[in-house]
């Protein structure tokens, strides 16, 4: 006897690195309980971004802004201009006490290449 498949009762777990497909799956889950941080400069953010991402530029008090507005246990997905900037941003956030931070591999370009939705300013 087979049973119909139902959506999972909890979201997928967050890992230190995430693919855009993993993030999309998490967003499609429903009540995602996560924050997507775009650490690129404001001009780039305003041009286009992953739908739902918030701007916290890497060079503009990223850690202070994140700590002031996010709970330490919040699931955070971060991307920047490059995988290197993304990794450095994630490291800074983790060192500041934010526990669940994932680096989005390939960032916005990988997201767009997969055909996932973006927003424009």
Protein backbone atom coordinates (compact mmCIF):
# COMPACT_ATOMS: atom_id res chain seq x y z
CA UNK A 1 0.00 0.00 0.00
CA UNK A 2 1.38 3.43 -0.86
CA UNK A 3 0.49 6.66 0.83
CA UNK A 4 0.26 10.06 -0.82
CA UNK A 5 3.28 12.26 -0.26
CA UNK A 6 2.72 15.27 1.92
CA UNK A 7 4.91 18.31 2.40
CA UNK A 8 7.42 17.87 5.21
CA UNK A 9 6.26 19.05 8.64
CA UNK A 10 9.42 21.06 9.20
CA UNK A 11 11.70 23.02 6.91
CA UNK A 12 14.93 21.55 5.59
CA UNK A 13 17.84 22.17 7.92
CA UNK A 14 20.31 24.95 7.20
CA UNK A 15 23.96 24.16 6.40
CA UNK A 16 27.00 26.49 6.21
CA UNK A 17 26.85 26.43 2.39
CA UNK A 18 23.66 26.28 0.35
CA UNK A 19 22.89 25.99 -3.32
CA UNK A 20 20.25 28.19 -4.88
CA UNK A 21 18.12 25.06 -5.33
CA UNK A 22 18.28 24.39 -1.58
CA UNK A 23 17.21 27.96 -0.83
CA UNK A 24 14.37 27.75 -3.36
CA UNK A 25 13.19 24.48 -1.80
CA UNK A 26 13.21 26.17 1.59
CA UNK A 27 11.21 29.13 0.27
CA UNK A 28 8.73 26.78 -1.42
CA UNK A 29 8.22 24.93 1.86
CA UNK A 30 5.84 27.66 2.96
CA UNK A 31 6.45 29.36 6.27
CA UNK A 32 10.19 29.66 5.75
CA UNK A 33 11.23 31.48 8.94
CA UNK A 34 14.39 32.75 7.28
CA UNK A 35 16.07 35.95 6.15
CA UNK A 36 17.99 36.46 2.92
CA UNK A 37 20.71 39.12 3.17
CA UNK A 38 22.18 40.79 0.09
CA UNK A 39 25.58 42.24 1.04
CA UNK A 40 26.23 43.95 -2.29
CA UNK A 41 26.24 47.75 -2.46
CA UNK A 42 22.87 49.53 -2.50
CA UNK A 43 23.10 50.37 -6.21
CA UNK A 44 23.46 46.69 -7.12
CA UNK A 45 20.70 45.72 -4.69
CA UNK A 46 18.35 48.29 -6.21
CA UNK A 47 19.11 47.01 -9.73
CA UNK A 48 18.09 43.41 -8.98
CA UNK A 49 18.08 40.94 -6.12
CA UNK A 50 16.72 37.61 -4.96
CA UNK A 51 13.03 38.13 -4.25
CA UNK A 52 12.58 38.91 -0.55
CA UNK A 53 16.25 39.71 0.14
CA UNK A 54 17.08 42.63 2.41
CA UNK A 55 20.00 44.95 1.87
CA UNK A 56 22.82 44.93 4.41
CA UNK A 57 25.90 46.05 2.46
CA UNK A 58 29.15 44.33 3.39
CA UNK A 59 30.99 47.62 3.94
CA UNK A 60 28.22 49.40 5.85
CA UNK A 61 28.03 47.96 9.35
CA UNK A 62 26.76 44.56 8.23
CA UNK A 63 27.23 42.94 11.64
CA UNK A 64 25.77 45.80 13.66
CA UNK A 65 22.70 45.98 11.44
CA UNK A 66 22.17 42.21 11.48
CA UNK A 67 22.55 41.97 15.26
CA UNK A 68 20.15 44.87 15.79
CA UNK A 69 17.41 43.42 13.59
CA UNK A 70 17.73 39.61 13.68
CA UNK A 71 17.48 37.02 16.43
CA UNK A 72 20.67 34.97 16.97
CA UNK A 73 18.83 31.74 16.10
CA UNK A 74 17.25 33.10 12.90
CA UNK A 75 18.08 31.13 9.74
CA UNK A 76 20.03 33.50 7.49
CA UNK A 77 21.02 33.02 3.87
CA UNK A 78 23.62 35.48 2.62
CA UNK A 79 25.07 36.41 -0.77
CA UNK A 80 27.38 39.12 -2.07
CA UNK A 81 29.20 40.21 -5.21
CA UNK A 82 31.36 37.07 -5.17
CA UNK A 83 31.59 33.77 -3.31
CA UNK A 84 34.58 35.24 -1.47
CA UNK A 85 32.57 38.24 -0.24
CA UNK A 86 29.70 35.92 0.64
CA UNK A 87 32.01 33.71 2.72
CA UNK A 88 33.54 36.69 4.51
CA UNK A 89 30.10 38.13 5.26
CA UNK A 90 28.91 34.80 6.62
CA UNK A 91 32.04 34.45 8.77
CA UNK A 92 31.50 37.92 10.24
CA UNK A 93 27.88 37.12 11.05
CA UNK A 94 28.80 33.79 12.67
CA UNK A 95 31.56 35.42 14.74
CA UNK A 96 29.00 37.98 15.91
CA UNK A 97 26.89 35.19 17.38
CA UNK A 98 24.37 34.52 14.62
CA UNK A 99 24.20 30.75 14.67
CA UNK A 100 22.41 29.63 11.49
CA UNK A 101 24.12 31.34 8.55
CA UNK A 102 24.33 29.79 5.09
CA UNK A 103 26.39 31.07 2.17
CA UNK A 104 24.43 30.97 -1.10
CA UNK A 105 26.86 29.45 -3.61
CA UNK A 106 26.99 31.46 -6.81
CA UNK A 107 24.82 34.23 -5.36
CA UNK A 108 22.45 36.19 -7.54
CA UNK A 109 23.93 34.99 -10.84
CA UNK A 110 23.33 31.33 -9.89
CA UNK A 111 19.81 32.23 -8.74
CA UNK A 112 19.07 33.94 -12.08
CA UNK A 113 20.68 31.13 -14.09
CA UNK A 114 18.25 28.71 -12.42
CA UNK A 115 15.33 30.88 -13.52
CA UNK A 116 14.23 31.73 -9.99
CA UNK A 117 12.36 35.00 -9.30
CA UNK A 118 14.16 38.28 -8.80
CA UNK A 119 13.01 41.75 -7.83
CA UNK A 120 14.19 45.01 -9.33
CA UNK A 121 14.32 48.40 -7.63
